[in-house]
């Protein structure tokens, strides 16, 4: 086998290693994106809960106690 053959084989192996590294980076990116989506969902839920709490304590009440639907009329 000559030097050109080994050079070609070396280039093939290097390209395969680069491909494996690229796939690992893509996997890390996808995992980070999934984490970001989960964080955004939690943040949205917290904002919604805060808005609901604020709405339930505002209005004509003077003591700012939460308003509960005790008779089930809101269903």
PDB file of N, CA and C in Angstrom:
ATOM      1  N   UNK A   1       0.853  -1.179   0.000  1.00  0.00           N
ATOM      2  CA  UNK A   1       0.000   0.000   0.000  1.00  0.00           C
ATOM      3  C   UNK A   1       0.895   1.237   0.000  1.00  0.00           C
ATOM      4  N   UNK A   2       0.466   2.207  -0.736  1.00  0.00           N
ATOM      5  CA  UNK A   2       1.293   3.401  -0.855  1.00  0.00           C
ATOM      6  C   UNK A   2       0.801   4.511   0.062  1.00  0.00           C
ATOM      7  N   UNK A   3       1.521   5.597   0.098  1.00  0.00           N
ATOM      8  CA  UNK A   3       1.218   6.720   0.984  1.00  0.00           C
ATOM      9  C   UNK A   3      -0.115   7.374   0.627  1.00  0.00           C
ATOM     10  N   UNK A   4      -0.453   7.412  -0.645  1.00  0.00           N
ATOM     11  CA  UNK A   4      -1.710   8.035  -1.067  1.00  0.00           C
ATOM     12  C   UNK A   4      -2.904   7.269  -0.499  1.00  0.00           C
ATOM     13  N   UNK A   5      -2.822   5.958  -0.475  1.00  0.00           N
ATOM     14  CA  UNK A   5      -3.902   5.138   0.082  1.00  0.00           C
ATOM     15  C   UNK A   5      -4.097   5.455   1.561  1.00  0.00           C
ATOM     16  N   UNK A   6      -2.987   5.473   2.304  1.00  0.00           N
ATOM     17  CA  UNK A   6      -3.084   5.756   3.736  1.00  0.00           C
ATOM     18  C   UNK A   6      -3.560   7.182   4.006  1.00  0.00           C
ATOM     19  N   UNK A   7      -3.148   8.103   3.148  1.00  0.00           N
ATOM     20  CA  UNK A   7      -3.613   9.484   3.276  1.00  0.00           C
ATOM     21  C   UNK A   7      -5.128   9.546   3.070  1.00  0.00           C
ATOM     22  N   UNK A   8      -5.623   8.823   2.081  1.00  0.00           N
ATOM     23  CA  UNK A   8      -7.058   8.778   1.812  1.00  0.00           C
ATOM     24  C   UNK A   8      -7.811   8.154   2.984  1.00  0.00           C
ATOM     25  N   UNK A   9      -7.289   7.057   3.510  1.00  0.00           N
ATOM     26  CA  UNK A   9      -7.926   6.398   4.656  1.00  0.00           C
ATOM     27  C   UNK A   9      -7.955   7.324   5.871  1.00  0.00           C
ATOM     28  N   UNK A  10      -6.857   8.053   6.084  1.00  0.00           N
ATOM     29  CA  UNK A  10      -6.785   8.997   7.198  1.00  0.00           C
ATOM     30  C   UNK A  10      -7.841  10.089   7.042  1.00  0.00           C
ATOM     31  N   UNK A  11      -8.005  10.616   5.839  1.00  0.00           N
ATOM     32  CA  UNK A  11      -9.014  11.644   5.592  1.00  0.00           C
ATOM     33  C   UNK A  11     -10.426  11.102   5.833  1.00  0.00           C
ATOM     34  N   UNK A  12     -10.667   9.867   5.426  1.00  0.00           N
ATOM     35  CA  UNK A  12     -11.985   9.260   5.651  1.00  0.00           C
ATOM     36  C   UNK A  12     -12.272   9.155   7.140  1.00  0.00           C
ATOM     37  N   UNK A  13     -11.298   8.689   7.907  1.00  0.00           N
ATOM     38  CA  UNK A  13     -11.474   8.550   9.356  1.00  0.00           C
ATOM     39  C   UNK A  13     -11.695   9.916   9.995  1.00  0.00           C
ATOM     40  N   UNK A  14     -10.946  10.922   9.560  1.00  0.00           N
ATOM     41  CA  UNK A  14     -11.114  12.269  10.114  1.00  0.00           C
ATOM     42  C   UNK A  14     -12.513  12.803   9.825  1.00  0.00           C
ATOM     43  N   UNK A  15     -13.003  12.589   8.623  1.00  0.00           N
ATOM     44  CA  UNK A  15     -14.354  13.044   8.274  1.00  0.00           C
ATOM     45  C   UNK A  15     -15.401  12.324   9.123  1.00  0.00           C
ATOM     46  N   UNK A  16     -15.211  11.026   9.346  1.00  0.00           N
ATOM     47  CA  UNK A  16     -16.151  10.281  10.188  1.00  0.00           C
ATOM     48  C   UNK A  16     -16.138  10.819  11.618  1.00  0.00           C
ATOM     49  N   UNK A  17     -14.954  11.133  12.143  1.00  0.00           N
ATOM     50  CA  UNK A  17     -14.857  11.685  13.495  1.00  0.00           C
ATOM     51  C   UNK A  17     -15.533  13.055  13.568  1.00  0.00           C
ATOM     52  N   UNK A  18     -15.344  13.874  12.532  1.00  0.00           N
ATOM     53  CA  UNK A  18     -16.008  15.179  12.491  1.00  0.00           C
ATOM     54  C   UNK A  18     -17.524  15.000  12.456  1.00  0.00           C
ATOM     55  N   UNK A  19     -18.000  14.005  11.707  1.00  0.00           N
ATOM     56  CA  UNK A  19     -19.437  13.747  11.618  1.00  0.00           C
ATOM     57  C   UNK A  19     -19.985  13.322  12.974  1.00  0.00           C
ATOM     58  N   UNK A  20     -19.257  12.460  13.674  1.00  0.00           N
ATOM     59  CA  UNK A  20     -19.686  12.023  15.006  1.00  0.00           C
ATOM     60  C   UNK A  20     -19.728  13.213  15.951  1.00  0.00           C
ATOM     61  N   UNK A  21     -18.719  14.067  15.890  1.00  0.00           N
ATOM     62  CA  UNK A  21     -18.687  15.260  16.748  1.00  0.00           C
ATOM     63  C   UNK A  21     -19.852  16.191  16.411  1.00  0.00           C
ATOM     64  N   UNK A  22     -20.127  16.364  15.128  1.00  0.00           N
ATOM     65  CA  UNK A  22     -21.242  17.205  14.708  1.00  0.00           C
ATOM     66  C   UNK A  22     -22.565  16.637  15.221  1.00  0.00           C
ATOM     67  N   UNK A  23     -22.733  15.334  15.134  1.00  0.00           N
ATOM     68  CA  UNK A  23     -23.956  14.716  15.636  1.00  0.00           C
ATOM     69  C   UNK A  23     -24.092  14.928  17.141  1.00  0.00           C
ATOM     70  N   UNK A  24     -22.990  14.829  17.881  1.00  0.00           N
ATOM     71  CA  UNK A  24     -23.028  15.051  19.328  1.00  0.00           C
ATOM     72  C   UNK A  24     -23.409  16.493  19.631  1.00  0.00           C
ATOM     73  N   UNK A  25     -22.865  17.441  18.866  1.00  0.00           N
ATOM     74  CA  UNK A  25     -23.203  18.852  19.063  1.00  0.00           C
ATOM     75  C   UNK A  25     -24.684  19.098  18.750  1.00  0.00           C
ATOM     76  N   UNK A  26     -25.180  18.468  17.687  1.00  0.00           N
ATOM     77  CA  UNK A  26     -26.596  18.611  17.350  1.00  0.00           C
ATOM     78  C   UNK A  26     -27.475  18.040  18.461  1.00  0.00           C
ATOM     79  N   UNK A  27     -27.077  16.908  19.024  1.00  0.00           N
ATOM     80  CA  UNK A  27     -27.839  16.309  20.120  1.00  0.00           C
ATOM     81  C   UNK A  27     -27.859  17.247  21.320  1.00  0.00           C
ATOM     82  N   UNK A  28     -26.698  17.817  21.662  1.00  0.00           N
ATOM     83  CA  UNK A  28     -26.635  18.764  22.776  1.00  0.00           C
ATOM     84  C   UNK A  28     -27.537  19.964  22.519  1.00  0.00           C
ATOM     85  N   UNK A  29     -27.527  20.459  21.278  1.00  0.00           N
ATOM     86  CA  UNK A  29     -28.365  21.598  20.924  1.00  0.00           C
ATOM     87  C   UNK A  29     -29.844  21.253  21.077  1.00  0.00           C
ATOM     88  N   UNK A  30     -30.222  20.075  20.594  1.00  0.00           N
ATOM     89  CA  UNK A  30     -31.622  19.659  20.690  1.00  0.00           C
ATOM     90  C   UNK A  30     -32.038  19.492  22.150  1.00  0.00           C
ATOM     91  N   UNK A  31     -31.139  18.954  22.970  1.00  0.00           N
ATOM     92  CA  UNK A  31     -31.445  18.794  24.391  1.00  0.00           C
ATOM     93  C   UNK A  31     -31.610  20.157  25.049  1.00  0.00           C
ATOM     94  N   UNK A  32     -30.728  21.101  24.704  1.00  0.00           N
ATOM     95  CA  UNK A  32     -30.819  22.449  25.273  1.00  0.00           C
ATOM     96  C   UNK A  32     -32.107  23.131  24.825  1.00  0.00           C
ATOM     97  N   UNK A  33     -32.491  22.923  23.579  1.00  0.00           N
ATOM     98  CA  UNK A  33     -33.731  23.502  23.068  1.00  0.00           C
ATOM     99  C   UNK A  33     -34.931  22.946  23.821  1.00  0.00           C
ATOM    100  N   UNK A  34     -34.918  21.660  24.097  1.00  0.00           N
ATOM    101  CA  UNK A  34     -35.995  21.048  24.871  1.00  0.00           C
ATOM    102  C   UNK A  34     -36.069  21.621  26.270  1.00  0.00           C
ATOM    103  N   UNK A  35     -34.894  21.821  26.895  1.00  0.00           N
ATOM    104  CA  UNK A  35     -34.861  22.426  28.227  1.00  0.00           C
ATOM    105  C   UNK A  35     -35.416  23.844  28.179  1.00  0.00           C
ATOM    106  N   UNK A  36     -35.054  24.594  27.142  1.00  0.00           N
ATOM    107  CA  UNK A  36     -35.532  25.969  27.007  1.00  0.00           C
ATOM    108  C   UNK A  36     -37.052  26.000  26.857  1.00  0.00           C
ATOM    109  N   UNK A  37     -37.589  25.091  26.060  1.00  0.00           N
ATOM    110  CA  UNK A  37     -39.048  25.033  25.896  1.00  0.00           C
ATOM    111  C   UNK A  37     -39.734  24.736  27.219  1.00  0.00           C
ATOM    112  N   UNK A  38     -39.146  23.838  28.008  1.00  0.00           N
ATOM    113  CA  UNK A  38     -39.731  23.508  29.310  1.00  0.00           C
ATOM    114  C   UNK A  38     -39.678  24.712  30.247  1.00  0.00           C
ATOM    115  N   UNK A  39     -38.569  25.436  30.234  1.00  0.00           N
ATOM    116  CA  UNK A  39     -38.432  26.632  31.077  1.00  0.00           C
ATOM    117  C   UNK A  39     -39.457  27.685  30.667  1.00  0.00           C
ATOM    118  N   UNK A  40     -39.629  27.882  29.361  1.00  0.00           N
ATOM    119  CA  UNK A  40     -40.606  28.858  28.879  1.00  0.00           C
ATOM    120  C   UNK A  40     -42.024  28.466  29.295  1.00  0.00           C
ATOM    121  N   UNK A  41     -42.327  27.174  29.268  1.00  0.00           N
ATOM    122  CA  UNK A  41     -43.658  26.722  29.676  1.00  0.00           C
ATOM    123  C   UNK A  41     -43.880  26.969  31.165  1.00  0.00           C
ATOM    124  N   UNK A  42     -42.873  26.693  31.975  1.00  0.00           N
ATOM    125  CA  UNK A  42     -42.988  26.940  33.415  1.00  0.00           C
ATOM    126  C   UNK A  42     -43.168  28.432  33.676  1.00  0.00           C
ATOM    127  N   UNK A  43     -42.392  29.271  32.980  1.00  0.00           N
ATOM    128  CA  UNK A  43     -42.528  30.722  33.143  1.00  0.00           C
ATOM    129  C   UNK A  43     -43.929  31.191  32.762  1.00  0.00           C
ATOM    130  N   UNK A  44     -44.455  30.674  31.664  1.00  0.00           N
ATOM    131  CA  UNK A  44     -45.806  31.058  31.238  1.00  0.00           C
ATOM    132  C   UNK A  44     -46.836  30.646  32.282  1.00  0.00           C
ATOM    133  N   UNK A  45     -46.668  29.460  32.851  1.00  0.00           N
ATOM    134  CA  UNK A  45     -47.600  29.007  33.891  1.00  0.00           C
ATOM    135  C   UNK A  45     -47.516  29.889  35.128  1.00  0.00           C
ATOM    136  N   UNK A  46     -46.305  30.288  35.509  1.00  0.00           N
ATOM    137  CA  UNK A  46     -46.142  31.166  36.679  1.00  0.00           C
ATOM    138  C   UNK A  46     -46.796  32.525  36.440  1.00  0.00           C
ATOM    139  N   UNK A  47     -46.626  33.068  35.248  1.00  0.00           N
ATOM    140  CA  UNK A  47     -47.240  34.356  34.917  1.00  0.00           C
ATOM    141  C   UNK A  47     -48.757  34.229  34.940  1.00  0.00           C
ATOM    142  N   UNK A  48     -49.279  33.144  34.373  1.00  0.00           N
ATOM    143  CA  UNK A  48     -50.722  32.920  34.384  1.00  0.00           C
ATOM    144  C   UNK A  48     -51.247  32.827  35.811  1.00  0.00           C
ATOM    145  N   UNK A  49     -50.557  32.073  36.657  1.00  0.00           N
ATOM    146  CA  UNK A  49     -50.993  31.929  38.047  1.00  0.00           C
ATOM    147  C   UNK A  49     -50.953  33.268  38.773  1.00  0.00           C
ATOM    148  N   UNK A  50     -49.907  34.062  38.523  1.00  0.00           N
ATOM    149  CA  UNK A  50     -49.810  35.374  39.160  1.00  0.00           C
ATOM    150  C   UNK A  50     -50.948  36.279  38.698  1.00  0.00           C
ATOM    151  N   UNK A  51     -51.257  36.240  37.404  1.00  0.00           N
ATOM    152  CA  UNK A  51     -52.363  37.050  36.883  1.00  0.00           C
ATOM    153  C   UNK A  51     -53.701  36.604  37.460  1.00  0.00           C
ATOM    154  N   UNK A  52     -53.893  35.299  37.576  1.00  0.00           N
ATOM    155  CA  UNK A  52     -55.137  34.797  38.168  1.00  0.00           C
ATOM    156  C   UNK A  52     -55.250  35.203  39.631  1.00  0.00           C
ATOM    157  N   UNK A  53     -54.147  35.122  40.354  1.00  0.00           N
ATOM    158  CA  UNK A  53     -54.167  35.512  41.765  1.00  0.00           C
ATOM    159  C   UNK A  53     -54.468  37.001  41.898  1.00  0.00           C
ATOM    160  N   UNK A  54     -53.847  37.810  41.036  1.00  0.00           N
ATOM    161  CA  UNK A  54     -54.088  39.251  41.080  1.00  0.00           C
ATOM    162  C   UNK A  54     -55.548  39.548  40.744  1.00  0.00           C
ATOM    163  N   UNK A  55     -56.089  38.867  39.746  1.00  0.00           N
ATOM    164  CA  UNK A  55     -57.482  39.096  39.361  1.00  0.00           C
ATOM    165  C   UNK A  55     -58.437  38.665  40.461  1.00  0.00           C
ATOM    166  N   UNK A  56     -58.085  37.605  41.173  1.00  0.00           N
ATOM    167  CA  UNK A  56     -59.002  37.116  42.204  1.00  0.00           C
ATOM    168  C   UNK A  56     -58.980  37.983  43.452  1.00  0.00           C
ATOM    169  N   UNK A  57     -57.958  38.805  43.618  1.00  0.00           N
ATOM    170  CA  UNK A  57     -57.891  39.657  44.807  1.00  0.00           C
ATOM    171  C   UNK A  57     -58.206  41.111  44.496  1.00  0.00           C
ATOM    172  N   UNK A  58     -58.453  41.443  43.228  1.00  0.00           N
ATOM    173  CA  UNK A  58     -58.769  42.832  42.890  1.00  0.00           C
ATOM    174  C   UNK A  58     -60.277  43.009  42.802  1.00  0.00           C
ATOM    175  N   UNK A  59     -60.694  44.225  42.623  1.00  0.00           N
ATOM    176  CA  UNK A  59     -62.122  44.481  42.483  1.00  0.00           C
ATOM    177  C   UNK A  59     -62.661  45.251  43.665  1.00  0.00           C
ATOM    178  N   UNK A  60     -63.851  44.872  44.088  1.00  0.00           N
ATOM    179  CA  UNK A  60     -64.537  45.639  45.127  1.00  0.00           C
ATOM    180  C   UNK A  60     -64.214  45.170  46.537  1.00  0.00           C
ATOM    181  N   UNK A  61     -63.457  44.104  46.673  1.00  0.00           N
ATOM    182  CA  UNK A  61     -63.127  43.650  48.021  1.00  0.00           C
ATOM    183  C   UNK A  61     -62.164  44.620  48.685  1.00  0.00           C
ATOM    184  N   UNK A  62     -62.374  44.837  49.968  1.00  0.00           N
ATOM    185  CA  UNK A  62     -61.503  45.742  50.706  1.00  0.00           C
ATOM    186  C   UNK A  62     -60.412  45.001  51.456  1.00  0.00           C
ATOM    187  N   UNK A  63     -60.648  43.762  51.812  1.00  0.00           N
ATOM    188  CA  UNK A  63     -59.653  43.037  52.595  1.00  0.00           C
ATOM    189  C   UNK A  63     -58.655  42.273  51.724  1.00  0.00           C
ATOM    190  N   UNK A  64     -58.823  42.282  50.421  1.00  0.00           N
ATOM    191  CA  UNK A  64     -57.945  41.635  49.453  1.00  0.00           C
ATOM    192  C   UNK A  64     -57.828  40.132  49.657  1.00  0.00           C
ATOM    193  N   UNK A  65     -58.801  39.526  50.277  1.00  0.00           N
ATOM    194  CA  UNK A  65     -58.811  38.073  50.432  1.00  0.00           C
ATOM    195  C   UNK A  65     -59.203  37.438  49.099  1.00  0.00           C
ATOM    196  N   UNK A  66     -58.681  36.262  48.795  1.00  0.00           N
ATOM    197  CA  UNK A  66     -59.035  35.612  47.528  1.00  0.00           C
ATOM    198  C   UNK A  66     -60.530  35.337  47.431  1.00  0.00           C
ATOM    199  N   UNK A  67     -61.051  35.398  46.214  1.00  0.00           N
ATOM    200  CA  UNK A  67     -62.457  35.123  45.953  1.00  0.00           C
ATOM    201  C   UNK A  67     -62.563  33.663  45.534  1.00  0.00           C
ATOM    202  N   UNK A  68     -63.368  32.897  46.220  1.00  0.00           N
ATOM    203  CA  UNK A  68     -63.552  31.488  45.901  1.00  0.00           C
ATOM    204  C   UNK A  68     -64.973  31.252  45.421  1.00  0.00           C
ATOM    205  N   UNK A  69     -65.120  30.328  44.510  1.00  0.00           N
ATOM    206  CA  UNK A  69     -66.428  29.955  43.984  1.00  0.00           C
ATOM    207  C   UNK A  69     -66.972  28.825  44.850  1.00  0.00           C
ATOM    208  N   UNK A  70     -67.591  29.165  45.964  1.00  0.00           N
ATOM    209  CA  UNK A  70     -68.030  28.152  46.916  1.00  0.00           C
ATOM    210  C   UNK A  70     -69.306  27.448  46.497  1.00  0.00           C
ATOM    211  N   UNK A  71     -70.130  28.085  45.674  1.00  0.00           N
ATOM    212  CA  UNK A  71     -71.388  27.440  45.297  1.00  0.00           C
ATOM    213  C   UNK A  71     -71.315  26.734  43.945  1.00  0.00           C
ATOM    214  N   UNK A  72     -70.166  26.778  43.280  1.00  0.00           N
ATOM    215  CA  UNK A  72     -69.990  26.085  42.009  1.00  0.00           C
ATOM    216  C   UNK A  72     -70.632  26.766  40.832  1.00  0.00           C
ATOM    217  N   UNK A  73     -71.035  28.020  40.961  1.00  0.00           N
ATOM    218  CA  UNK A  73     -71.737  28.705  39.873  1.00  0.00           C
ATOM    219  C   UNK A  73     -70.827  29.036  38.699  1.00  0.00           C
ATOM    220  N   UNK A  74     -69.521  29.016  38.900  1.00  0.00           N
ATOM    221  CA  UNK A  74     -68.606  29.360  37.817  1.00  0.00           C
ATOM    222  C   UNK A  74     -68.370  28.188  36.873  1.00  0.00           C
ATOM    223  N   UNK A  75     -68.838  27.023  37.209  1.00  0.00           N
ATOM    224  CA  UNK A  75     -68.597  25.844  36.370  1.00  0.00           C
ATOM    225  C   UNK A  75     -69.511  25.795  35.180  1.00  0.00           C
TER     226      UNK A  75
END
